[in-house]
Amino acid sequence: MKTPTAVEAYLHEHIPLAAAMGVRVIAATVHEVILEAPLEPNLNHRDAAFGGSVAAVSILAGWTLVHRRLHEEGISGRRTVIQASSVHYVAPVDTAFRATCQSPPPTAWARFLRTLARKGRARVWVEAEVTSRGTLAARFEGAYVALGPPQEPV
Protein backbone atom coordinates (compact mmCIF):
# COMPACT_ATOMS: atom_id res chain seq x y z
CA MET A 1 0.00 0.00 0.00
CA LYS A 2 1.31 3.45 -0.86
CA THR A 3 1.81 6.04 1.85
CA PRO A 4 -0.06 9.37 1.83
CA THR A 5 3.27 11.05 1.00
CA ALA A 6 3.77 8.82 -2.07
CA VAL A 7 0.19 9.40 -3.24
CA GLU A 8 0.62 13.16 -2.76
CA ALA A 9 3.84 13.16 -4.80
CA TYR A 10 2.06 11.24 -7.58
CA LEU A 11 -0.85 13.67 -7.62
CA HIS A 12 1.43 16.72 -7.67
CA GLU A 13 3.48 15.27 -10.52
CA HIS A 14 0.64 13.94 -12.68
CA ILE A 15 -2.12 16.43 -11.88
CA PRO A 16 -0.41 19.84 -11.70
CA LEU A 17 -3.56 21.54 -10.40
CA ALA A 18 -3.18 19.53 -7.17
CA ALA A 19 0.24 21.09 -6.58
CA ALA A 20 -0.93 24.59 -7.54
CA MET A 21 -3.80 24.33 -5.06
CA GLY A 22 -1.48 23.09 -2.31
CA VAL A 23 -3.37 19.80 -1.89
CA ARG A 24 -2.06 17.53 0.85
CA VAL A 25 -2.96 13.85 1.21
CA ILE A 26 -4.02 13.12 4.78
CA ALA A 27 -5.19 9.54 4.11
CA ALA A 28 -5.39 7.39 0.99
CA THR A 29 -6.69 3.88 1.57
CA VAL A 30 -9.14 1.71 -0.36
CA HIS A 31 -11.81 2.71 2.15
CA GLU A 32 -11.22 6.44 2.56
CA VAL A 33 -9.34 9.31 0.98
CA ILE A 34 -8.90 12.62 2.79
CA LEU A 35 -7.36 15.55 0.95
CA GLU A 36 -6.70 18.95 2.49
CA ALA A 37 -6.15 22.29 0.77
CA PRO A 38 -5.04 25.59 2.29
CA LEU A 39 -7.23 28.64 1.85
CA GLU A 40 -4.64 31.07 0.41
CA PRO A 41 -4.08 29.64 -3.10
CA ASN A 42 -7.81 28.93 -3.35
CA LEU A 43 -9.24 32.33 -2.39
CA ASN A 44 -12.07 34.10 -4.16
CA HIS A 45 -12.82 37.84 -4.15
CA ARG A 46 -14.66 37.48 -0.80
CA ASP A 47 -11.72 35.99 1.11
CA ALA A 48 -13.37 32.56 1.10
CA ALA A 49 -12.50 29.45 -0.86
CA PHE A 50 -13.37 29.63 -4.53
CA GLY A 51 -16.21 27.21 -5.32
CA GLY A 52 -14.21 25.73 -8.17
CA SER A 53 -11.40 24.88 -5.76
CA VAL A 54 -13.85 23.12 -3.43
CA ALA A 55 -15.21 21.16 -6.40
CA ALA A 56 -11.72 20.34 -7.71
CA VAL A 57 -10.51 18.96 -4.37
CA SER A 58 -13.70 16.87 -4.13
CA ILE A 59 -13.22 15.51 -7.66
CA LEU A 60 -9.59 14.73 -6.87
CA ALA A 61 -10.54 12.89 -3.65
CA GLY A 62 -13.01 10.71 -5.56
CA TRP A 63 -10.55 10.07 -8.36
CA THR A 64 -7.83 9.09 -5.90
CA LEU A 65 -10.13 6.66 -4.10
CA VAL A 66 -11.25 4.90 -7.30
CA HIS A 67 -7.74 4.82 -8.73
CA ARG A 68 -6.21 3.46 -5.51
CA ARG A 69 -8.94 0.89 -5.04
CA LEU A 70 -8.50 -0.42 -8.59
CA HIS A 71 -4.76 -0.72 -7.96
CA GLU A 72 -5.32 -2.64 -4.72
CA GLU A 73 -7.77 -4.96 -6.52
CA GLY A 74 -5.00 -5.85 -8.94
CA ILE A 75 -6.55 -3.83 -11.75
CA SER A 76 -3.87 -1.19 -11.84
CA GLY A 77 -3.26 1.13 -14.68
CA ARG A 78 -6.73 1.72 -16.05
CA ARG A 79 -7.41 5.30 -17.04
CA THR A 80 -9.78 6.73 -14.45
CA VAL A 81 -11.73 9.84 -15.43
CA ILE A 82 -14.55 11.92 -13.99
CA GLN A 83 -17.71 11.60 -16.08
CA ALA A 84 -20.24 13.63 -14.10
CA SER A 85 -20.30 15.52 -10.84
CA SER A 86 -22.39 17.78 -8.67
CA VAL A 87 -21.53 19.85 -5.63
CA HIS A 88 -24.01 21.26 -3.13
CA TYR A 89 -22.47 24.14 -1.20
CA VAL A 90 -23.70 24.33 2.39
CA ALA A 91 -21.51 27.01 3.97
CA PRO A 92 -18.65 29.33 3.01
CA VAL A 93 -15.11 28.08 3.57
CA ASP A 94 -12.86 30.63 5.28
CA THR A 95 -9.96 28.40 6.30
CA ALA A 96 -8.17 25.25 5.12
CA PHE A 97 -10.65 22.63 3.97
CA ARG A 98 -10.81 18.85 3.66
CA ALA A 99 -12.57 16.58 1.19
CA THR A 100 -13.31 13.15 2.62
CA CYS A 101 -14.39 10.45 0.18
CA GLN A 102 -15.63 7.07 1.40
CA SER A 103 -15.60 3.91 -0.68
CA PRO A 104 -18.90 3.19 -2.46
CA PRO A 105 -21.15 0.45 -1.04
CA PRO A 106 -19.85 -3.10 -1.61
CA THR A 107 -22.68 -3.94 -4.02
CA ALA A 108 -21.92 -0.89 -6.18
CA TRP A 109 -18.20 -1.69 -6.24
CA ALA A 110 -18.87 -5.36 -7.11
CA ARG A 111 -21.14 -4.31 -9.99
CA PHE A 112 -18.43 -1.88 -11.16
CA LEU A 113 -15.81 -4.64 -11.19
CA ARG A 114 -18.09 -7.09 -13.01
CA THR A 115 -18.87 -4.52 -15.69
CA LEU A 116 -15.21 -3.60 -16.04
CA ALA A 117 -14.26 -7.27 -16.49
CA ARG A 118 -17.05 -7.85 -19.00
CA LYS A 119 -16.91 -4.64 -21.06
CA GLY A 120 -13.45 -3.21 -20.42
CA ARG A 121 -14.95 -0.03 -18.99
CA ALA A 122 -17.28 0.73 -16.11
CA ARG A 123 -18.73 3.58 -14.06
CA VAL A 124 -19.02 3.96 -10.29
CA TRP A 125 -20.53 6.78 -8.23
CA VAL A 126 -18.78 8.08 -5.11
CA GLU A 127 -19.61 10.76 -2.58
CA ALA A 128 -17.47 13.16 -0.58
CA GLU A 129 -18.00 15.73 2.12
CA VAL A 130 -16.01 18.93 2.36
CA THR A 131 -15.44 20.33 5.81
CA SER A 132 -13.84 23.47 7.16
CA ARG A 133 -13.19 23.94 10.88
CA GLY A 134 -14.93 20.58 11.35
CA THR A 135 -18.18 21.91 9.85
CA LEU A 136 -19.83 20.60 6.70
CA ALA A 137 -19.24 23.05 3.85
CA ALA A 138 -20.20 21.03 0.75
CA ARG A 139 -21.44 17.65 -0.46
CA PHE A 140 -20.07 16.12 -3.65
CA GLU A 141 -21.27 13.28 -5.85
CA GLY A 142 -19.33 12.09 -8.87
CA ALA A 143 -19.33 9.33 -11.46
CA TYR A 144 -15.92 7.94 -12.40
CA VAL A 145 -15.20 5.75 -15.39
CA ALA A 146 -12.36 3.24 -15.61
CA LEU A 147 -11.34 2.47 -19.18
CA GLY A 148 -8.58 1.85 -21.65
CA PRO A 149 -5.30 -0.02 -21.49
CA PRO A 150 -3.19 -0.21 -18.36
CA GLN A 151 -1.10 2.82 -17.33
CA GLU A 152 1.21 3.65 -14.42
CA PRO A 153 -0.37 2.82 -11.00
CA VAL A 154 -0.59 5.18 -8.04
C-alpha atoms as a PDB file:
ATOM      1  CA  MET A   1       0.000   0.000   0.000  1.00  0.00           C
ATOM      2  CA  LYS A   2       1.310   3.453  -0.862  1.00  0.00           C
ATOM      3  CA  THR A   3       1.812   6.041   1.847  1.00  0.00           C
ATOM      4  CA  PRO A   4      -0.063   9.374   1.833  1.00  0.00           C
ATOM      5  CA  THR A   5       3.268  11.051   1.000  1.00  0.00           C
ATOM      6  CA  ALA A   6       3.771   8.824  -2.067  1.00  0.00           C
ATOM      7  CA  VAL A   7       0.194   9.399  -3.245  1.00  0.00           C
ATOM      8  CA  GLU A   8       0.623  13.158  -2.763  1.00  0.00           C
ATOM      9  CA  ALA A   9       3.836  13.157  -4.796  1.00  0.00           C
ATOM     10  CA  TYR A  10       2.064  11.237  -7.581  1.00  0.00           C
ATOM     11  CA  LEU A  11      -0.855  13.674  -7.617  1.00  0.00           C
ATOM     12  CA  HIS A  12       1.431  16.725  -7.671  1.00  0.00           C
ATOM     13  CA  GLU A  13       3.483  15.269 -10.523  1.00  0.00           C
ATOM     14  CA  HIS A  14       0.641  13.944 -12.681  1.00  0.00           C
ATOM     15  CA  ILE A  15      -2.124  16.426 -11.876  1.00  0.00           C
ATOM     16  CA  PRO A  16      -0.413  19.842 -11.704  1.00  0.00           C
ATOM     17  CA  LEU A  17      -3.562  21.538 -10.399  1.00  0.00           C
ATOM     18  CA  ALA A  18      -3.175  19.527  -7.170  1.00  0.00           C
ATOM     19  CA  ALA A  19       0.239  21.087  -6.576  1.00  0.00           C
ATOM     20  CA  ALA A  20      -0.932  24.591  -7.536  1.00  0.00           C
ATOM     21  CA  MET A  21      -3.804  24.330  -5.063  1.00  0.00           C
ATOM     22  CA  GLY A  22      -1.478  23.085  -2.306  1.00  0.00           C
ATOM     23  CA  VAL A  23      -3.369  19.805  -1.892  1.00  0.00           C
ATOM     24  CA  ARG A  24      -2.058  17.526   0.853  1.00  0.00           C
ATOM     25  CA  VAL A  25      -2.964  13.852   1.208  1.00  0.00           C
ATOM     26  CA  ILE A  26      -4.018  13.124   4.778  1.00  0.00           C
ATOM     27  CA  ALA A  27      -5.186   9.541   4.105  1.00  0.00           C
ATOM     28  CA  ALA A  28      -5.389   7.387   0.987  1.00  0.00           C
ATOM     29  CA  THR A  29      -6.692   3.884   1.567  1.00  0.00           C
ATOM     30  CA  VAL A  30      -9.139   1.711  -0.360  1.00  0.00           C
ATOM     31  CA  HIS A  31     -11.811   2.715   2.154  1.00  0.00           C
ATOM     32  CA  GLU A  32     -11.222   6.439   2.556  1.00  0.00           C
ATOM     33  CA  VAL A  33      -9.340   9.311   0.978  1.00  0.00           C
ATOM     34  CA  ILE A  34      -8.896  12.617   2.794  1.00  0.00           C
ATOM     35  CA  LEU A  35      -7.360  15.546   0.952  1.00  0.00           C
ATOM     36  CA  GLU A  36      -6.698  18.946   2.486  1.00  0.00           C
ATOM     37  CA  ALA A  37      -6.146  22.290   0.774  1.00  0.00           C
ATOM     38  CA  PRO A  38      -5.041  25.592   2.292  1.00  0.00           C
ATOM     39  CA  LEU A  39      -7.225  28.642   1.850  1.00  0.00           C
ATOM     40  CA  GLU A  40      -4.641  31.069   0.415  1.00  0.00           C
ATOM     41  CA  PRO A  41      -4.084  29.641  -3.097  1.00  0.00           C
ATOM     42  CA  ASN A  42      -7.814  28.932  -3.345  1.00  0.00           C
ATOM     43  CA  LEU A  43      -9.242  32.333  -2.394  1.00  0.00           C
ATOM     44  CA  ASN A  44     -12.071  34.102  -4.165  1.00  0.00           C
ATOM     45  CA  HIS A  45     -12.817  37.837  -4.146  1.00  0.00           C
ATOM     46  CA  ARG A  46     -14.657  37.482  -0.795  1.00  0.00           C
ATOM     47  CA  ASP A  47     -11.715  35.989   1.109  1.00  0.00           C
ATOM     48  CA  ALA A  48     -13.373  32.563   1.100  1.00  0.00           C
ATOM     49  CA  ALA A  49     -12.497  29.446  -0.856  1.00  0.00           C
ATOM     50  CA  PHE A  50     -13.374  29.628  -4.534  1.00  0.00           C
ATOM     51  CA  GLY A  51     -16.211  27.215  -5.319  1.00  0.00           C
ATOM     52  CA  GLY A  52     -14.208  25.735  -8.167  1.00  0.00           C
ATOM     53  CA  SER A  53     -11.405  24.880  -5.757  1.00  0.00           C
ATOM     54  CA  VAL A  54     -13.849  23.124  -3.432  1.00  0.00           C
ATOM     55  CA  ALA A  55     -15.209  21.161  -6.397  1.00  0.00           C
ATOM     56  CA  ALA A  56     -11.717  20.344  -7.706  1.00  0.00           C
ATOM     57  CA  VAL A  57     -10.512  18.957  -4.367  1.00  0.00           C
ATOM     58  CA  SER A  58     -13.700  16.871  -4.133  1.00  0.00           C
ATOM     59  CA  ILE A  59     -13.215  15.506  -7.656  1.00  0.00           C
ATOM     60  CA  LEU A  60      -9.588  14.732  -6.869  1.00  0.00           C
ATOM     61  CA  ALA A  61     -10.540  12.893  -3.653  1.00  0.00           C
ATOM     62  CA  GLY A  62     -13.013  10.710  -5.559  1.00  0.00           C
ATOM     63  CA  TRP A  63     -10.548  10.067  -8.362  1.00  0.00           C
ATOM     64  CA  THR A  64      -7.831   9.085  -5.904  1.00  0.00           C
ATOM     65  CA  LEU A  65     -10.134   6.658  -4.101  1.00  0.00           C
ATOM     66  CA  VAL A  66     -11.253   4.904  -7.297  1.00  0.00           C
ATOM     67  CA  HIS A  67      -7.737   4.820  -8.732  1.00  0.00           C
ATOM     68  CA  ARG A  68      -6.205   3.455  -5.512  1.00  0.00           C
ATOM     69  CA  ARG A  69      -8.936   0.886  -5.042  1.00  0.00           C
ATOM     70  CA  LEU A  70      -8.499  -0.415  -8.589  1.00  0.00           C
ATOM     71  CA  HIS A  71      -4.761  -0.721  -7.962  1.00  0.00           C
ATOM     72  CA  GLU A  72      -5.317  -2.640  -4.720  1.00  0.00           C
ATOM     73  CA  GLU A  73      -7.773  -4.962  -6.519  1.00  0.00           C
ATOM     74  CA  GLY A  74      -4.996  -5.855  -8.943  1.00  0.00           C
ATOM     75  CA  ILE A  75      -6.548  -3.832 -11.754  1.00  0.00           C
ATOM     76  CA  SER A  76      -3.874  -1.194 -11.839  1.00  0.00           C
ATOM     77  CA  GLY A  77      -3.256   1.126 -14.682  1.00  0.00           C
ATOM     78  CA  ARG A  78      -6.733   1.721 -16.054  1.00  0.00           C
ATOM     79  CA  ARG A  79      -7.413   5.300 -17.039  1.00  0.00           C
ATOM     80  CA  THR A  80      -9.777   6.728 -14.451  1.00  0.00           C
ATOM     81  CA  VAL A  81     -11.735   9.836 -15.432  1.00  0.00           C
ATOM     82  CA  ILE A  82     -14.551  11.919 -13.992  1.00  0.00           C
ATOM     83  CA  GLN A  83     -17.706  11.602 -16.083  1.00  0.00           C
ATOM     84  CA  ALA A  84     -20.237  13.628 -14.098  1.00  0.00           C
ATOM     85  CA  SER A  85     -20.300  15.524 -10.840  1.00  0.00           C
ATOM     86  CA  SER A  86     -22.389  17.784  -8.668  1.00  0.00           C
ATOM     87  CA  VAL A  87     -21.533  19.852  -5.629  1.00  0.00           C
ATOM     88  CA  HIS A  88     -24.010  21.255  -3.134  1.00  0.00           C
ATOM     89  CA  TYR A  89     -22.470  24.141  -1.202  1.00  0.00           C
ATOM     90  CA  VAL A  90     -23.695  24.329   2.393  1.00  0.00           C
ATOM     91  CA  ALA A  91     -21.506  27.009   3.972  1.00  0.00           C
ATOM     92  CA  PRO A  92     -18.649  29.331   3.011  1.00  0.00           C
ATOM     93  CA  VAL A  93     -15.112  28.084   3.571  1.00  0.00           C
ATOM     94  CA  ASP A  94     -12.856  30.625   5.277  1.00  0.00           C
ATOM     95  CA  THR A  95      -9.963  28.395   6.305  1.00  0.00           C
ATOM     96  CA  ALA A  96      -8.169  25.253   5.117  1.00  0.00           C
ATOM     97  CA  PHE A  97     -10.653  22.631   3.975  1.00  0.00           C
ATOM     98  CA  ARG A  98     -10.809  18.852   3.656  1.00  0.00           C
ATOM     99  CA  ALA A  99     -12.567  16.583   1.190  1.00  0.00           C
ATOM    100  CA  THR A 100     -13.313  13.147   2.617  1.00  0.00           C
ATOM    101  CA  CYS A 101     -14.385  10.449   0.177  1.00  0.00           C
ATOM    102  CA  GLN A 102     -15.633   7.069   1.396  1.00  0.00           C
ATOM    103  CA  SER A 103     -15.605   3.909  -0.675  1.00  0.00           C
ATOM    104  CA  PRO A 104     -18.896   3.186  -2.461  1.00  0.00           C
ATOM    105  CA  PRO A 105     -21.152   0.450  -1.043  1.00  0.00           C
ATOM    106  CA  PRO A 106     -19.849  -3.104  -1.607  1.00  0.00           C
ATOM    107  CA  THR A 107     -22.677  -3.940  -4.024  1.00  0.00           C
ATOM    108  CA  ALA A 108     -21.924  -0.891  -6.178  1.00  0.00           C
ATOM    109  CA  TRP A 109     -18.203  -1.694  -6.236  1.00  0.00           C
ATOM    110  CA  ALA A 110     -18.866  -5.357  -7.110  1.00  0.00           C
ATOM    111  CA  ARG A 111     -21.140  -4.306  -9.991  1.00  0.00           C
ATOM    112  CA  PHE A 112     -18.433  -1.876 -11.164  1.00  0.00           C
ATOM    113  CA  LEU A 113     -15.807  -4.640 -11.186  1.00  0.00           C
ATOM    114  CA  ARG A 114     -18.087  -7.091 -13.015  1.00  0.00           C
ATOM    115  CA  THR A 115     -18.871  -4.524 -15.692  1.00  0.00           C
ATOM    116  CA  LEU A 116     -15.208  -3.597 -16.042  1.00  0.00           C
ATOM    117  CA  ALA A 117     -14.256  -7.270 -16.490  1.00  0.00           C
ATOM    118  CA  ARG A 118     -17.048  -7.854 -19.002  1.00  0.00           C
ATOM    119  CA  LYS A 119     -16.909  -4.644 -21.060  1.00  0.00           C
ATOM    120  CA  GLY A 120     -13.449  -3.213 -20.423  1.00  0.00           C
ATOM    121  CA  ARG A 121     -14.954  -0.031 -18.990  1.00  0.00           C
ATOM    122  CA  ALA A 122     -17.281   0.734 -16.106  1.00  0.00           C
ATOM    123  CA  ARG A 123     -18.727   3.583 -14.057  1.00  0.00           C
ATOM    124  CA  VAL A 124     -19.025   3.961 -10.295  1.00  0.00           C
ATOM    125  CA  TRP A 125     -20.528   6.781  -8.233  1.00  0.00           C
ATOM    126  CA  VAL A 126     -18.782   8.082  -5.110  1.00  0.00           C
ATOM    127  CA  GLU A 127     -19.612  10.764  -2.579  1.00  0.00           C
ATOM    128  CA  ALA A 128     -17.467  13.159  -0.582  1.00  0.00           C
ATOM    129  CA  GLU A 129     -18.000  15.727   2.118  1.00  0.00           C
ATOM    130  CA  VAL A 130     -16.008  18.928   2.360  1.00  0.00           C
ATOM    131  CA  THR A 131     -15.438  20.330   5.813  1.00  0.00           C
ATOM    132  CA  SER A 132     -13.843  23.471   7.161  1.00  0.00           C
ATOM    133  CA  ARG A 133     -13.195  23.936  10.883  1.00  0.00           C
ATOM    134  CA  GLY A 134     -14.935  20.579  11.349  1.00  0.00           C
ATOM    135  CA  THR A 135     -18.179  21.910   9.846  1.00  0.00           C
ATOM    136  CA  LEU A 136     -19.831  20.601   6.701  1.00  0.00           C
ATOM    137  CA  ALA A 137     -19.236  23.053   3.848  1.00  0.00           C
ATOM    138  CA  ALA A 138     -20.201  21.034   0.750  1.00  0.00           C
ATOM    139  CA  ARG A 139     -21.440  17.653  -0.462  1.00  0.00           C
ATOM    140  CA  PHE A 140     -20.072  16.122  -3.650  1.00  0.00           C
ATOM    141  CA  GLU A 141     -21.266  13.276  -5.848  1.00  0.00           C
ATOM    142  CA  GLY A 142     -19.335  12.091  -8.871  1.00  0.00           C
ATOM    143  CA  ALA A 143     -19.329   9.330 -11.462  1.00  0.00           C
ATOM    144  CA  TYR A 144     -15.919   7.938 -12.401  1.00  0.00           C
ATOM    145  CA  VAL A 145     -15.202   5.748 -15.386  1.00  0.00           C
ATOM    146  CA  ALA A 146     -12.363   3.244 -15.615  1.00  0.00           C
ATOM    147  CA  LEU A 147     -11.344   2.465 -19.183  1.00  0.00           C
ATOM    148  CA  GLY A 148      -8.583   1.850 -21.646  1.00  0.00           C
ATOM    149  CA  PRO A 149      -5.304  -0.019 -21.494  1.00  0.00           C
ATOM    150  CA  PRO A 150      -3.189  -0.207 -18.356  1.00  0.00           C
ATOM    151  CA  GLN A 151      -1.103   2.818 -17.325  1.00  0.00           C
ATOM    152  CA  GLU A 152       1.214   3.653 -14.424  1.00  0.00           C
ATOM    153  CA  PRO A 153      -0.368   2.815 -11.002  1.00  0.00           C
ATOM    154  CA  VAL A 154      -0.588   5.179  -8.037  1.00  0.00           C
END
